[in-house]
Amino acid sequence: MTTYGTNPTSANDLAPKLEYITRANDQHNVRPGLATRRPWKQMLDLHSFNFPRKLATVITRIRANTVYFQTNYTIVVLFTVFLSLIWNPFSLLILLSLIGAWLFLYFLRDEPLTVFDREIDHRLVLIVMSVLTLSILLLTDAKLNIAVAVMAGAAAVLFHAAVRKTEDMYQNDDETSRLLP
């Protein structure tokens, strides 16, 4: 059998090339980047709310819920700031550009951020982006709007985290993983 003009290749030779193509295609897909965002239906399930009777329970719930719903809570605070800036178009444009940075550096990342061959923890990115966003926005004329919006968003997040039961959070992870590709 002659194979003139063909290069013999094995399946092992093609595997790295196919993986590269698959990863390149996945980077253009938004869904995998939002994998840490929990479904809003799960977050707002009315059966998962009750008022705790002990302060220790409140603190435990706040800790667990802020870790579990951190991306959702960040979106809530950013949306609150967005709503407060509707009447201040210059600040709104700045916020929209910062949201672009948020999307690129925090929400749509599948892999950890790497700077000078060092991995940056996602919590550090969250803190730096939060401080940067607030600092830049406070340089605009909407200081009071932003301060009130951040406090209102933080109050809403803390209230939700305090009254959302934590017992059923991880039961829905199998269901969540089936919803995401």
Protein backbone atom coordinates (compact mmCIF):
# COMPACT_ATOMS: atom_id res chain seq x y z
CA MET A 1 0.00 0.00 0.00
CA THR A 2 1.48 3.32 -1.02
CA THR A 3 0.72 6.62 0.60
CA TYR A 4 2.35 9.08 -1.74
CA GLY A 5 2.09 12.70 -0.68
CA THR A 6 0.68 12.03 2.78
CA ASN A 7 2.28 12.42 6.14
CA PRO A 8 1.78 9.53 8.51
CA THR A 9 0.09 10.79 11.65
CA SER A 10 -1.18 8.99 14.64
CA ALA A 11 -3.98 9.92 16.99
CA ASN A 12 -1.36 10.91 19.57
CA ASP A 13 0.08 13.53 17.20
CA LEU A 14 -3.35 15.13 16.69
CA ALA A 15 -4.42 15.25 20.35
CA PRO A 16 -2.46 18.39 21.35
CA LYS A 17 -3.63 20.23 18.21
CA LEU A 18 -7.25 19.32 18.83
CA GLU A 19 -6.98 20.38 22.47
CA TYR A 20 -5.59 23.76 21.39
CA ILE A 21 -8.47 24.27 18.96
CA THR A 22 -11.03 23.22 21.57
CA ARG A 23 -9.56 25.62 24.16
CA ALA A 24 -9.52 28.45 21.64
CA ASN A 25 -13.18 27.87 20.84
CA ASP A 26 -14.11 27.66 24.54
CA GLN A 27 -12.49 31.03 25.25
CA HIS A 28 -15.05 32.71 23.02
CA ASN A 29 -17.91 31.10 24.88
CA VAL A 30 -19.27 33.16 27.77
CA ARG A 31 -20.94 30.34 29.71
CA PRO A 32 -17.81 28.60 31.07
CA GLY A 33 -16.55 31.91 32.47
CA LEU A 34 -19.72 32.35 34.47
CA ALA A 35 -19.49 28.92 36.03
CA THR A 36 -18.87 30.40 39.49
CA ARG A 37 -22.07 32.42 39.23
CA ARG A 38 -24.84 30.50 40.90
CA PRO A 39 -28.29 30.34 39.32
CA TRP A 40 -30.45 33.27 40.36
CA LYS A 41 -33.34 30.87 40.93
CA GLN A 42 -31.27 29.05 43.54
CA MET A 43 -30.15 32.30 45.14
CA LEU A 44 -33.70 33.68 45.39
CA ASP A 45 -35.51 30.45 46.34
CA LEU A 46 -38.12 31.57 48.87
CA HIS A 47 -38.06 28.19 50.66
CA SER A 48 -34.41 28.77 51.57
CA PHE A 49 -35.05 31.85 53.68
CA ASN A 50 -35.66 32.09 57.40
CA PHE A 51 -34.56 34.44 60.13
CA PRO A 52 -31.85 32.94 62.35
CA ARG A 53 -32.28 33.06 66.12
CA LYS A 54 -28.61 33.18 67.13
CA LEU A 55 -25.86 35.62 66.20
CA ALA A 56 -23.48 32.71 65.62
CA THR A 57 -25.87 31.36 62.98
CA VAL A 58 -25.97 34.77 61.28
CA ILE A 59 -22.17 34.94 61.15
CA THR A 60 -21.88 31.36 59.86
CA ARG A 61 -24.48 32.00 57.16
CA ILE A 62 -22.85 35.26 56.07
CA ARG A 63 -19.48 33.54 55.74
CA ALA A 64 -20.85 30.56 53.81
CA ASN A 65 -23.17 32.56 51.54
CA THR A 66 -20.58 35.20 50.64
CA VAL A 67 -18.22 32.46 49.47
CA TYR A 68 -20.92 30.49 47.66
CA PHE A 69 -22.68 33.47 46.02
CA GLN A 70 -19.69 35.83 45.70
CA THR A 71 -20.08 36.39 41.96
CA ASN A 72 -23.82 36.96 42.30
CA TYR A 73 -23.23 39.42 45.13
CA THR A 74 -20.63 41.29 43.09
CA ILE A 75 -23.12 41.56 40.24
CA VAL A 76 -25.79 42.88 42.64
CA VAL A 77 -23.49 45.62 43.96
CA LEU A 78 -22.28 46.59 40.47
CA PHE A 79 -25.88 46.72 39.23
CA THR A 80 -26.84 48.93 42.17
CA VAL A 81 -24.00 51.31 41.32
CA PHE A 82 -25.06 51.21 37.66
CA LEU A 83 -28.62 52.20 38.59
CA SER A 84 -27.37 55.06 40.75
CA LEU A 85 -25.36 56.49 37.84
CA ILE A 86 -28.12 56.61 35.25
CA TRP A 87 -28.50 60.38 35.78
CA ASN A 88 -24.74 61.00 35.57
CA PRO A 89 -23.71 59.96 32.03
CA PHE A 90 -19.95 60.64 32.38
CA SER A 91 -19.70 58.45 35.46
CA LEU A 92 -21.86 55.86 33.77
CA LEU A 93 -19.46 55.67 30.82
CA ILE A 94 -16.56 55.23 33.20
CA LEU A 95 -18.48 52.51 35.03
CA LEU A 96 -19.23 50.71 31.77
CA SER A 97 -15.53 50.68 30.89
CA LEU A 98 -14.75 49.37 34.38
CA ILE A 99 -17.38 46.67 33.92
CA GLY A 100 -15.50 45.66 30.76
CA ALA A 101 -12.38 45.30 32.91
CA TRP A 102 -14.41 43.29 35.46
CA LEU A 103 -15.62 40.96 32.72
CA PHE A 104 -12.13 40.43 31.37
CA LEU A 105 -10.26 40.11 34.68
CA TYR A 106 -12.83 38.48 36.96
CA PHE A 107 -16.10 37.15 35.54
CA LEU A 108 -15.05 35.51 32.28
CA ARG A 109 -11.80 33.88 33.37
CA ASP A 110 -11.56 30.09 33.27
CA GLU A 111 -8.03 30.01 34.55
CA PRO A 112 -6.32 32.06 37.26
CA LEU A 113 -4.91 35.43 36.25
CA THR A 114 -1.17 35.18 35.68
CA VAL A 115 1.15 38.19 35.96
CA PHE A 116 4.91 37.73 35.46
CA ASP A 117 4.51 33.93 35.70
CA ARG A 118 2.75 34.20 39.06
CA GLU A 119 -0.85 33.16 39.62
CA ILE A 120 -3.04 35.80 41.21
CA ASP A 121 -5.79 34.53 43.53
CA HIS A 122 -9.33 35.39 42.41
CA ARG A 123 -10.05 37.00 45.80
CA LEU A 124 -7.14 39.38 45.31
CA VAL A 125 -8.48 40.27 41.85
CA LEU A 126 -11.90 40.90 43.44
CA ILE A 127 -10.45 43.18 46.10
CA VAL A 128 -8.19 45.11 43.71
CA MET A 129 -10.96 45.56 41.14
CA SER A 130 -13.41 46.70 43.84
CA VAL A 131 -10.99 49.27 45.25
CA LEU A 132 -10.02 50.43 41.75
CA THR A 133 -13.65 50.75 40.67
CA LEU A 134 -14.63 52.72 43.75
CA SER A 135 -11.52 54.92 43.59
CA ILE A 136 -12.02 55.85 39.95
CA LEU A 137 -15.74 56.42 40.36
CA LEU A 138 -15.21 58.58 43.44
CA LEU A 139 -13.06 60.88 41.30
CA THR A 140 -16.18 61.71 39.28
CA ASP A 141 -19.01 63.99 40.37
CA ALA A 142 -21.21 61.17 41.61
CA LYS A 143 -19.61 60.55 45.01
CA LEU A 144 -22.84 60.62 46.99
CA ASN A 145 -24.69 58.44 44.47
CA ILE A 146 -21.91 55.87 44.51
CA ALA A 147 -21.58 55.84 48.30
CA VAL A 148 -25.31 55.35 48.78
CA ALA A 149 -25.44 52.67 46.07
CA VAL A 150 -22.52 50.72 47.52
CA MET A 151 -24.02 50.89 51.01
CA ALA A 152 -27.45 49.84 49.72
CA GLY A 153 -25.92 46.99 47.69
CA ALA A 154 -23.80 45.85 50.63
CA ALA A 155 -26.82 46.00 52.95
CA ALA A 156 -28.88 43.92 50.51
CA VAL A 157 -26.05 41.39 50.18
CA LEU A 158 -25.55 41.13 53.95
CA PHE A 159 -29.30 40.78 54.53
CA HIS A 160 -29.55 38.02 51.92
CA ALA A 161 -26.46 36.27 53.28
CA ALA A 162 -27.87 36.39 56.81
CA VAL A 163 -31.34 35.02 56.04
CA ARG A 164 -30.44 32.49 53.30
CA LYS A 165 -30.15 29.00 54.77
CA THR A 166 -26.92 27.20 53.94
CA GLU A 167 -28.04 23.59 54.38
CA ASP A 168 -29.36 23.17 50.84
CA MET A 169 -26.73 25.09 48.89
CA TYR A 170 -24.48 22.24 47.87
CA GLN A 171 -27.33 19.83 47.08
CA ASN A 172 -27.99 21.77 43.87
CA ASP A 173 -24.38 21.56 42.61
CA ASP A 174 -25.16 18.46 40.51
CA GLU A 175 -28.16 20.27 39.09
CA THR A 176 -26.04 23.38 38.45
CA SER A 177 -23.32 21.39 36.69
CA ARG A 178 -25.91 19.84 34.37
CA LEU A 179 -27.17 23.28 33.36
CA LEU A 180 -23.72 24.49 32.34
CA PRO A 181 -22.04 22.96 29.26
